[in-house]
Amino acid sequence: MFHVLNSIFMAEVIKKDGTREPFDTGKIKSAILAAGQRTDLSEERKNEVAEQVVAAITAMADGKDEIASSEIKEKILSELDGNEPIISEEWRKYEQENK
């Protein structure tokens, strides 16, 4: 129910190319878990970190009509740096490899 309410009341995301899409906590969690797959962390820890970061991103976007994807990414990496730096390191490596 929480995620359903999120998508109804949350900001619209403005992507780099100017397109817009609904704020989607599932997409954020999936990206964090994908980066986590490149680590030796337990599944439990990866899920815990993903939930913590999603909560922080949701709080940041709460009450906004729109938010830039770059702002979301910056906040995700900041939160990962504080919660589980190995995941943020893997996220950055993946981005460099796939430019």
PDB file of N, CA and C in Angstrom:
ATOM      1  N   MET A   1       0.818  -1.194   0.000  1.00  0.00           N
ATOM      2  CA  MET A   1       0.000   0.000   0.000  1.00  0.00           C
ATOM      3  C   MET A   1       0.860   1.256   0.000  1.00  0.00           C
ATOM      4  N   PHE A   2       1.970   1.237   0.718  1.00  0.00           N
ATOM      5  CA  PHE A   2       2.857   2.396   0.780  1.00  0.00           C
ATOM      6  C   PHE A   2       3.317   2.801  -0.616  1.00  0.00           C
ATOM      7  N   HIS A   3       3.738   1.834  -1.422  1.00  0.00           N
ATOM      8  CA  HIS A   3       4.241   2.157  -2.755  1.00  0.00           C
ATOM      9  C   HIS A   3       3.137   2.689  -3.662  1.00  0.00           C
ATOM     10  N   VAL A   4       1.929   2.176  -3.504  1.00  0.00           N
ATOM     11  CA  VAL A   4       0.810   2.677  -4.305  1.00  0.00           C
ATOM     12  C   VAL A   4       0.553   4.139  -3.961  1.00  0.00           C
ATOM     13  N   LEU A   5       0.541   4.448  -2.692  1.00  0.00           N
ATOM     14  CA  LEU A   5       0.324   5.831  -2.279  1.00  0.00           C
ATOM     15  C   LEU A   5       1.449   6.726  -2.792  1.00  0.00           C
ATOM     16  N   ASN A   6       2.675   6.214  -2.759  1.00  0.00           N
ATOM     17  CA  ASN A   6       3.803   6.986  -3.263  1.00  0.00           C
ATOM     18  C   ASN A   6       3.577   7.427  -4.697  1.00  0.00           C
ATOM     19  N   SER A   7       3.202   6.486  -5.539  1.00  0.00           N
ATOM     20  CA  SER A   7       3.094   6.816  -6.954  1.00  0.00           C
ATOM     21  C   SER A   7       1.957   7.790  -7.224  1.00  0.00           C
ATOM     22  N   ILE A   8       0.954   7.829  -6.366  1.00  0.00           N
ATOM     23  CA  ILE A   8      -0.158   8.743  -6.560  1.00  0.00           C
ATOM     24  C   ILE A   8       0.218  10.157  -6.126  1.00  0.00           C
ATOM     25  N   PHE A   9       0.931  10.303  -5.033  1.00  0.00           N
ATOM     26  CA  PHE A   9       1.174  11.611  -4.449  1.00  0.00           C
ATOM     27  C   PHE A   9       2.585  12.152  -4.658  1.00  0.00           C
ATOM     28  N   MET A  10       3.453  11.396  -5.265  1.00  0.00           N
ATOM     29  CA  MET A  10       4.836  11.822  -5.361  1.00  0.00           C
ATOM     30  C   MET A  10       5.106  12.633  -6.628  1.00  0.00           C
ATOM     31  N   ALA A  11       6.277  13.178  -6.648  1.00  0.00           N
ATOM     32  CA  ALA A  11       6.727  14.049  -7.737  1.00  0.00           C
ATOM     33  C   ALA A  11       6.850  13.303  -9.056  1.00  0.00           C
ATOM     34  N   GLU A  12       6.860  14.107 -10.086  1.00  0.00           N
ATOM     35  CA  GLU A  12       7.162  13.606 -11.410  1.00  0.00           C
ATOM     36  C   GLU A  12       8.673  13.764 -11.595  1.00  0.00           C
ATOM     37  N   VAL A  13       9.310  12.761 -12.180  1.00  0.00           N
ATOM     38  CA  VAL A  13      10.748  12.797 -12.392  1.00  0.00           C
ATOM     39  C   VAL A  13      11.029  13.374 -13.774  1.00  0.00           C
ATOM     40  N   ILE A  14      11.929  14.356 -13.814  1.00  0.00           N
ATOM     41  CA  ILE A  14      12.357  14.939 -15.083  1.00  0.00           C
ATOM     42  C   ILE A  14      13.710  14.319 -15.425  1.00  0.00           C
ATOM     43  N   LYS A  15      13.729  13.561 -16.507  1.00  0.00           N
ATOM     44  CA  LYS A  15      14.943  12.872 -16.912  1.00  0.00           C
ATOM     45  C   LYS A  15      15.875  13.809 -17.670  1.00  0.00           C
ATOM     46  N   LYS A  16      17.111  13.358 -17.886  1.00  0.00           N
ATOM     47  CA  LYS A  16      18.124  14.155 -18.572  1.00  0.00           C
ATOM     48  C   LYS A  16      17.651  14.688 -19.922  1.00  0.00           C
ATOM     49  N   ASP A  17      16.913  13.857 -20.651  1.00  0.00           N
ATOM     50  CA  ASP A  17      16.474  14.259 -21.987  1.00  0.00           C
ATOM     51  C   ASP A  17      15.206  15.114 -21.968  1.00  0.00           C
ATOM     52  N   GLY A  18      14.734  15.449 -20.765  1.00  0.00           N
ATOM     53  CA  GLY A  18      13.562  16.308 -20.635  1.00  0.00           C
ATOM     54  C   GLY A  18      12.241  15.566 -20.525  1.00  0.00           C
ATOM     55  N   THR A  19      12.270  14.254 -20.773  1.00  0.00           N
ATOM     56  CA  THR A  19      11.034  13.490 -20.618  1.00  0.00           C
ATOM     57  C   THR A  19      10.688  13.378 -19.145  1.00  0.00           C
ATOM     58  N   ARG A  20       9.434  13.067 -18.898  1.00  0.00           N
ATOM     59  CA  ARG A  20       8.949  12.967 -17.523  1.00  0.00           C
ATOM     60  C   ARG A  20       8.356  11.582 -17.299  1.00  0.00           C
ATOM     61  N   GLU A  21       8.486  11.130 -16.072  1.00  0.00           N
ATOM     62  CA  GLU A  21       7.854   9.872 -15.691  1.00  0.00           C
ATOM     63  C   GLU A  21       7.492   9.941 -14.217  1.00  0.00           C
ATOM     64  N   PRO A  22       6.542   9.123 -13.797  1.00  0.00           N
ATOM     65  CA  PRO A  22       6.152   9.135 -12.384  1.00  0.00           C
ATOM     66  C   PRO A  22       7.305   8.679 -11.489  1.00  0.00           C
ATOM     67  N   PHE A  23       7.387   9.262 -10.311  1.00  0.00           N
ATOM     68  CA  PHE A  23       8.356   8.835  -9.304  1.00  0.00           C
ATOM     69  C   PHE A  23       8.069   7.378  -8.981  1.00  0.00           C
ATOM     70  N   ASP A  24       9.086   6.532  -9.014  1.00  0.00           N
ATOM     71  CA  ASP A  24       8.898   5.090  -8.838  1.00  0.00           C
ATOM     72  C   ASP A  24       9.934   4.542  -7.865  1.00  0.00           C
ATOM     73  N   THR A  25       9.503   4.266  -6.644  1.00  0.00           N
ATOM     74  CA  THR A  25      10.429   3.744  -5.639  1.00  0.00           C
ATOM     75  C   THR A  25      10.936   2.358  -6.025  1.00  0.00           C
ATOM     76  N   GLY A  26      10.134   1.601  -6.752  1.00  0.00           N
ATOM     77  CA  GLY A  26      10.553   0.270  -7.188  1.00  0.00           C
ATOM     78  C   GLY A  26      11.753   0.330  -8.113  1.00  0.00           C
ATOM     79  N   LYS A  27      11.775   1.324  -8.977  1.00  0.00           N
ATOM     80  CA  LYS A  27      12.883   1.497  -9.910  1.00  0.00           C
ATOM     81  C   LYS A  27      14.170   1.853  -9.153  1.00  0.00           C
ATOM     82  N   ILE A  28      14.031   2.689  -8.145  1.00  0.00           N
ATOM     83  CA  ILE A  28      15.188   3.069  -7.331  1.00  0.00           C
ATOM     84  C   ILE A  28      15.724   1.850  -6.590  1.00  0.00           C
ATOM     85  N   LYS A  29      14.839   1.106  -5.967  1.00  0.00           N
ATOM     86  CA  LYS A  29      15.263  -0.087  -5.215  1.00  0.00           C
ATOM     87  C   LYS A  29      15.942  -1.095  -6.132  1.00  0.00           C
ATOM     88  N   SER A  30      15.379  -1.303  -7.318  1.00  0.00           N
ATOM     89  CA  SER A  30      15.972  -2.248  -8.273  1.00  0.00           C
ATOM     90  C   SER A  30      17.387  -1.839  -8.667  1.00  0.00           C
ATOM     91  N   ALA A  31      17.595  -0.544  -8.892  1.00  0.00           N
ATOM     92  CA  ALA A  31      18.922  -0.057  -9.276  1.00  0.00           C
ATOM     93  C   ALA A  31      19.931  -0.273  -8.144  1.00  0.00           C
ATOM     94  N   ILE A  32      19.504  -0.036  -6.919  1.00  0.00           N
ATOM     95  CA  ILE A  32      20.395  -0.228  -5.769  1.00  0.00           C
ATOM     96  C   ILE A  32      20.727  -1.709  -5.609  1.00  0.00           C
ATOM     97  N   LEU A  33      19.719  -2.557  -5.730  1.00  0.00           N
ATOM     98  CA  LEU A  33      19.952  -3.999  -5.603  1.00  0.00           C
ATOM     99  C   LEU A  33      20.848  -4.517  -6.725  1.00  0.00           C
ATOM    100  N   ALA A  34      20.706  -3.965  -7.929  1.00  0.00           N
ATOM    101  CA  ALA A  34      21.564  -4.365  -9.047  1.00  0.00           C
ATOM    102  C   ALA A  34      23.026  -4.028  -8.743  1.00  0.00           C
ATOM    103  N   ALA A  35      23.259  -2.835  -8.201  1.00  0.00           N
ATOM    104  CA  ALA A  35      24.624  -2.460  -7.815  1.00  0.00           C
ATOM    105  C   ALA A  35      25.112  -3.366  -6.693  1.00  0.00           C
ATOM    106  N   GLY A  36      24.220  -3.711  -5.785  1.00  0.00           N
ATOM    107  CA  GLY A  36      24.571  -4.587  -4.670  1.00  0.00           C
ATOM    108  C   GLY A  36      24.938  -5.989  -5.098  1.00  0.00           C
ATOM    109  N   GLN A  37      24.430  -6.433  -6.249  1.00  0.00           N
ATOM    110  CA  GLN A  37      24.742  -7.776  -6.735  1.00  0.00           C
ATOM    111  C   GLN A  37      26.218  -7.923  -7.077  1.00  0.00           C
ATOM    112  N   ARG A  38      26.865  -6.815  -7.278  1.00  0.00           N
ATOM    113  CA  ARG A  38      28.294  -6.834  -7.610  1.00  0.00           C
ATOM    114  C   ARG A  38      29.174  -6.842  -6.359  1.00  0.00           C
ATOM    115  N   THR A  39      28.551  -7.033  -5.189  1.00  0.00           N
ATOM    116  CA  THR A  39      29.288  -7.051  -3.916  1.00  0.00           C
ATOM    117  C   THR A  39      29.130  -8.407  -3.243  1.00  0.00           C
ATOM    118  N   ASP A  40      29.868  -8.588  -2.152  1.00  0.00           N
ATOM    119  CA  ASP A  40      29.779  -9.819  -1.359  1.00  0.00           C
ATOM    120  C   ASP A  40      28.795  -9.689  -0.198  1.00  0.00           C
ATOM    121  N   LEU A  41      28.038  -8.600  -0.165  1.00  0.00           N
ATOM    122  CA  LEU A  41      27.101  -8.385   0.936  1.00  0.00           C
ATOM    123  C   LEU A  41      25.982  -9.428   0.899  1.00  0.00           C
ATOM    124  N   SER A  42      25.437  -9.720   2.069  1.00  0.00           N
ATOM    125  CA  SER A  42      24.316 -10.658   2.146  1.00  0.00           C
ATOM    126  C   SER A  42      23.075 -10.043   1.493  1.00  0.00           C
ATOM    127  N   GLU A  43      22.176 -10.877   1.048  1.00  0.00           N
ATOM    128  CA  GLU A  43      20.925 -10.399   0.461  1.00  0.00           C
ATOM    129  C   GLU A  43      20.163  -9.542   1.477  1.00  0.00           C
ATOM    130  N   GLU A  44      20.210  -9.968   2.727  1.00  0.00           N
ATOM    131  CA  GLU A  44      19.528  -9.226   3.792  1.00  0.00           C
ATOM    132  C   GLU A  44      20.088  -7.807   3.908  1.00  0.00           C
ATOM    133  N   ARG A  45      21.414  -7.690   3.885  1.00  0.00           N
ATOM    134  CA  ARG A  45      22.045  -6.369   3.999  1.00  0.00           C
ATOM    135  C   ARG A  45      21.728  -5.507   2.773  1.00  0.00           C
ATOM    136  N   LYS A  46      21.775  -6.092   1.586  1.00  0.00           N
ATOM    137  CA  LYS A  46      21.472  -5.339   0.362  1.00  0.00           C
ATOM    138  C   LYS A  46      20.047  -4.802   0.405  1.00  0.00           C
ATOM    139  N   ASN A  47      19.112  -5.632   0.843  1.00  0.00           N
ATOM    140  CA  ASN A  47      17.717  -5.200   0.954  1.00  0.00           C
ATOM    141  C   ASN A  47      17.549  -4.118   2.011  1.00  0.00           C
ATOM    142  N   GLU A  48      18.253  -4.273   3.122  1.00  0.00           N
ATOM    143  CA  GLU A  48      18.190  -3.287   4.213  1.00  0.00           C
ATOM    144  C   GLU A  48      18.683  -1.923   3.716  1.00  0.00           C
ATOM    145  N   VAL A  49      19.808  -1.924   3.026  1.00  0.00           N
ATOM    146  CA  VAL A  49      20.365  -0.676   2.495  1.00  0.00           C
ATOM    147  C   VAL A  49      19.408  -0.071   1.476  1.00  0.00           C
ATOM    148  N   ALA A  50      18.883  -0.894   0.582  1.00  0.00           N
ATOM    149  CA  ALA A  50      17.957  -0.397  -0.443  1.00  0.00           C
ATOM    150  C   ALA A  50      16.739   0.256   0.201  1.00  0.00           C
ATOM    151  N   GLU A  51      16.186  -0.368   1.227  1.00  0.00           N
ATOM    152  CA  GLU A  51      15.019   0.196   1.915  1.00  0.00           C
ATOM    153  C   GLU A  51      15.356   1.526   2.591  1.00  0.00           C
ATOM    154  N   GLN A  52      16.537   1.601   3.212  1.00  0.00           N
ATOM    155  CA  GLN A  52      16.953   2.840   3.880  1.00  0.00           C
ATOM    156  C   GLN A  52      17.098   3.969   2.864  1.00  0.00           C
ATOM    157  N   VAL A  53      17.718   3.674   1.740  1.00  0.00           N
ATOM    158  CA  VAL A  53      17.945   4.703   0.725  1.00  0.00           C
ATOM    159  C   VAL A  53      16.622   5.120   0.090  1.00  0.00           C
ATOM    160  N   VAL A  54      15.764   4.153  -0.211  1.00  0.00           N
ATOM    161  CA  VAL A  54      14.449   4.477  -0.790  1.00  0.00           C
ATOM    162  C   VAL A  54      13.676   5.385   0.163  1.00  0.00           C
ATOM    163  N   ALA A  55      13.738   5.107   1.456  1.00  0.00           N
ATOM    164  CA  ALA A  55      13.044   5.951   2.437  1.00  0.00           C
ATOM    165  C   ALA A  55      13.590   7.383   2.403  1.00  0.00           C
ATOM    166  N   ALA A  56      14.896   7.530   2.298  1.00  0.00           N
ATOM    167  CA  ALA A  56      15.503   8.863   2.252  1.00  0.00           C
ATOM    168  C   ALA A  56      15.117   9.600   0.968  1.00  0.00           C
ATOM    169  N   ILE A  57      15.086   8.896  -0.150  1.00  0.00           N
ATOM    170  CA  ILE A  57      14.725   9.511  -1.427  1.00  0.00           C
ATOM    171  C   ILE A  57      13.251   9.908  -1.413  1.00  0.00           C
ATOM    172  N   THR A  58      12.419   9.052  -0.859  1.00  0.00           N
ATOM    173  CA  THR A  58      10.991   9.340  -0.767  1.00  0.00           C
ATOM    174  C   THR A  58      10.758  10.586   0.079  1.00  0.00           C
ATOM    175  N   ALA A  59      11.473  10.690   1.195  1.00  0.00           N
ATOM    176  CA  ALA A  59      11.341  11.865   2.059  1.00  0.00           C
ATOM    177  C   ALA A  59      11.789  13.124   1.327  1.00  0.00           C
ATOM    178  N   MET A  60      12.850  13.020   0.526  1.00  0.00           N
ATOM    179  CA  MET A  60      13.354  14.170  -0.225  1.00  0.00           C
ATOM    180  C   MET A  60      12.327  14.623  -1.267  1.00  0.00           C
ATOM    181  N   ALA A  61      11.673  13.674  -1.916  1.00  0.00           N
ATOM    182  CA  ALA A  61      10.737  14.004  -2.996  1.00  0.00           C
ATOM    183  C   ALA A  61       9.353  14.386  -2.476  1.00  0.00           C
ATOM    184  N   ASP A  62       9.078  14.070  -1.217  1.00  0.00           N
ATOM    185  CA  ASP A  62       7.752  14.325  -0.651  1.00  0.00           C
ATOM    186  C   ASP A  62       7.391  15.804  -0.745  1.00  0.00           C
ATOM    187  N   GLY A  63       6.220  16.069  -1.258  1.00  0.00           N
ATOM    188  CA  GLY A  63       5.733  17.433  -1.341  1.00  0.00           C
ATOM    189  C   GLY A  63       6.181  18.194  -2.578  1.00  0.00           C
ATOM    190  N   LYS A  64       7.053  17.597  -3.378  1.00  0.00           N
ATOM    191  CA  LYS A  64       7.510  18.254  -4.602  1.00  0.00           C
ATOM    192  C   LYS A  64       6.631  17.825  -5.771  1.00  0.00           C
ATOM    193  N   ASP A  65       6.405  18.732  -6.689  1.00  0.00           N
ATOM    194  CA  ASP A  65       5.659  18.403  -7.901  1.00  0.00           C
ATOM    195  C   ASP A  65       6.549  17.722  -8.920  1.00  0.00           C
ATOM    196  N   GLU A  66       7.820  18.122  -8.930  1.00  0.00           N
ATOM    197  CA  GLU A  66       8.765  17.527  -9.873  1.00  0.00           C
ATOM    198  C   GLU A  66      10.150  17.520  -9.258  1.00  0.00           C
ATOM    199  N   ILE A  67      10.962  16.591  -9.758  1.00  0.00           N
ATOM    200  CA  ILE A  67      12.330  16.446  -9.258  1.00  0.00           C
ATOM    201  C   ILE A  67      13.191  15.907 -10.400  1.00  0.00           C
ATOM    202  N   ALA A  68      14.396  16.419 -10.515  1.00  0.00           N
ATOM    203  CA  ALA A  68      15.303  15.988 -11.585  1.00  0.00           C
ATOM    204  C   ALA A  68      15.898  14.627 -11.251  1.00  0.00           C
ATOM    205  N   SER A  69      16.031  13.786 -12.267  1.00  0.00           N
ATOM    206  CA  SER A  69      16.640  12.476 -12.055  1.00  0.00           C
ATOM    207  C   SER A  69      18.061  12.625 -11.532  1.00  0.00           C
ATOM    208  N   SER A  70      18.755  13.680 -11.952  1.00  0.00           N
ATOM    209  CA  SER A  70      20.124  13.909 -11.469  1.00  0.00           C
ATOM    210  C   SER A  70      20.143  14.187  -9.967  1.00  0.00           C
ATOM    211  N   GLU A  71      19.119  14.874  -9.469  1.00  0.00           N
ATOM    212  CA  GLU A  71      19.015  15.142  -8.033  1.00  0.00           C
ATOM    213  C   GLU A  71      18.766  13.837  -7.267  1.00  0.00           C
ATOM    214  N   ILE A  72      17.933  12.980  -7.842  1.00  0.00           N
ATOM    215  CA  ILE A  72      17.667  11.682  -7.217  1.00  0.00           C
ATOM    216  C   ILE A  72      18.942  10.860  -7.172  1.00  0.00           C
ATOM    217  N   LYS A  73      19.656  10.795  -8.288  1.00  0.00           N
ATOM    218  CA  LYS A  73      20.896  10.015  -8.355  1.00  0.00           C
ATOM    219  C   LYS A  73      21.916  10.532  -7.349  1.00  0.00           C
ATOM    220  N   GLU A  74      22.067  11.844  -7.266  1.00  0.00           N
ATOM    221  CA  GLU A  74      23.009  12.446  -6.324  1.00  0.00           C
ATOM    222  C   GLU A  74      22.665  12.044  -4.881  1.00  0.00           C
ATOM    223  N   LYS A  75      21.384  12.077  -4.553  1.00  0.00           N
ATOM    224  CA  LYS A  75      20.938  11.714  -3.202  1.00  0.00           C
ATOM    225  C   LYS A  75      21.147  10.223  -2.948  1.00  0.00           C
ATOM    226  N   ILE A  76      20.862   9.388  -3.946  1.00  0.00           N
ATOM    227  CA  ILE A  76      21.079   7.943  -3.802  1.00  0.00           C
ATOM    228  C   ILE A  76      22.539   7.676  -3.473  1.00  0.00           C
ATOM    229  N   LEU A  77      23.438   8.257  -4.260  1.00  0.00           N
ATOM    230  CA  LEU A  77      24.864   8.005  -4.040  1.00  0.00           C
ATOM    231  C   LEU A  77      25.336   8.559  -2.697  1.00  0.00           C
ATOM    232  N   SER A  78      24.817   9.694  -2.297  1.00  0.00           N
ATOM    233  CA  SER A  78      25.157  10.258  -0.994  1.00  0.00           C
ATOM    234  C   SER A  78      24.705   9.318   0.129  1.00  0.00           C
ATOM    235  N   GLU A  79      23.490   8.825   0.006  1.00  0.00           N
ATOM    236  CA  GLU A  79      22.963   7.898   1.018  1.00  0.00           C
ATOM    237  C   GLU A  79      23.765   6.592   1.029  1.00  0.00           C
ATOM    238  N   LEU A  80      24.095   6.088  -0.153  1.00  0.00           N
ATOM    239  CA  LEU A  80      24.889   4.860  -0.218  1.00  0.00           C
ATOM    240  C   LEU A  80      26.277   5.066   0.374  1.00  0.00           C
ATOM    241  N   ASP A  81      26.880   6.234   0.103  1.00  0.00           N
ATOM    242  CA  ASP A  81      28.195   6.533   0.679  1.00  0.00           C
ATOM    243  C   ASP A  81      28.157   6.439   2.202  1.00  0.00           C
ATOM    244  N   GLY A  82      27.054   6.893   2.787  1.00  0.00           N
ATOM    245  CA  GLY A  82      26.920   6.873   4.242  1.00  0.00           C
ATOM    246  C   GLY A  82      26.490   5.535   4.813  1.00  0.00           C
ATOM    247  N   ASN A  83      25.708   4.779   4.055  1.00  0.00           N
ATOM    248  CA  ASN A  83      25.159   3.512   4.556  1.00  0.00           C
ATOM    249  C   ASN A  83      25.987   2.289   4.180  1.00  0.00           C
ATOM    250  N   GLU A  84      26.444   2.239   2.950  1.00  0.00           N
ATOM    251  CA  GLU A  84      27.174   1.067   2.465  1.00  0.00           C
ATOM    252  C   GLU A  84      28.022   1.481   1.268  1.00  0.00           C
ATOM    253  N   PRO A  85      29.202   2.066   1.548  1.00  0.00           N
ATOM    254  CA  PRO A  85      30.044   2.615   0.479  1.00  0.00           C
ATOM    255  C   PRO A  85      30.389   1.634  -0.641  1.00  0.00           C
ATOM    256  N   ILE A  86      30.461   0.348  -0.333  1.00  0.00           N
ATOM    257  CA  ILE A  86      30.805  -0.624  -1.374  1.00  0.00           C
ATOM    258  C   ILE A  86      29.753  -0.641  -2.486  1.00  0.00           C
ATOM    259  N   ILE A  87      28.491  -0.413  -2.133  1.00  0.00           N
ATOM    260  CA  ILE A  87      27.445  -0.387  -3.159  1.00  0.00           C
ATOM    261  C   ILE A  87      27.571   0.877  -4.005  1.00  0.00           C
ATOM    262  N   SER A  88      27.850   2.016  -3.385  1.00  0.00           N
ATOM    263  CA  SER A  88      28.006   3.246  -4.178  1.00  0.00           C
ATOM    264  C   SER A  88      29.227   3.131  -5.087  1.00  0.00           C
ATOM    265  N   GLU A  89      30.268   2.474  -4.602  1.00  0.00           N
ATOM    266  CA  GLU A  89      31.466   2.255  -5.423  1.00  0.00           C
ATOM    267  C   GLU A  89      31.120   1.415  -6.658  1.00  0.00           C
ATOM    268  N   GLU A  90      30.350   0.363  -6.459  1.00  0.00           N
ATOM    269  CA  GLU A  90      29.952  -0.497  -7.575  1.00  0.00           C
ATOM    270  C   GLU A  90      29.021   0.240  -8.540  1.00  0.00           C
ATOM    271  N   TRP A  91      28.140   1.085  -8.005  1.00  0.00           N
ATOM    272  CA  TRP A  91      27.246   1.889  -8.855  1.00  0.00           C
ATOM    273  C   TRP A  91      28.092   2.768  -9.781  1.00  0.00           C
ATOM    274  N   ARG A  92      29.075   3.450  -9.194  1.00  0.00           N
ATOM    275  CA  ARG A  92      29.926   4.356  -9.973  1.00  0.00           C
ATOM    276  C   ARG A  92      30.755   3.583 -11.005  1.00  0.00           C
ATOM    277  N   LYS A  93      31.283   2.428 -10.624  1.00  0.00           N
ATOM    278  CA  LYS A  93      32.035   1.598 -11.576  1.00  0.00           C
ATOM    279  C   LYS A  93      31.157   1.203 -12.758  1.00  0.00           C
ATOM    280  N   TYR A  94      29.944   0.779 -12.466  1.00  0.00           N
ATOM    281  CA  TYR A  94      29.010   0.380 -13.521  1.00  0.00           C
ATOM    282  C   TYR A  94      28.751   1.548 -14.470  1.00  0.00           C
ATOM    283  N   GLU A  95      28.533   2.731 -13.929  1.00  0.00           N
ATOM    284  CA  GLU A  95      28.293   3.912 -14.771  1.00  0.00           C
ATOM    285  C   GLU A  95      29.489   4.213 -15.660  1.00  0.00           C
ATOM    286  N   GLN A  96      30.694   4.105 -15.111  1.00  0.00           N
ATOM    287  CA  GLN A  96      31.887   4.364 -15.906  1.00  0.00           C
ATOM    288  C   GLN A  96      32.043   3.343 -17.035  1.00  0.00           C
ATOM    289  N   GLU A  97      31.744   2.081 -16.725  1.00  0.00           N
ATOM    290  CA  GLU A  97      31.877   1.008 -17.720  1.00  0.00           C
ATOM    291  C   GLU A  97      30.837   1.103 -18.818  1.00  0.00           C
ATOM    292  N   ASN A  98      29.698   1.759 -18.545  1.00  0.00           N
ATOM    293  CA  ASN A  98      28.572   1.776 -19.486  1.00  0.00           C
ATOM    294  C   ASN A  98      28.264   3.159 -20.027  1.00  0.00           C
ATOM    295  N   LYS A  99      29.267   4.009 -20.104  1.00  0.00           N
ATOM    296  CA  LYS A  99      29.067   5.365 -20.658  1.00  0.00           C
ATOM    297  C   LYS A  99      28.929   5.307 -22.155  1.00  0.00           C
TER     298      LYS A  99
END
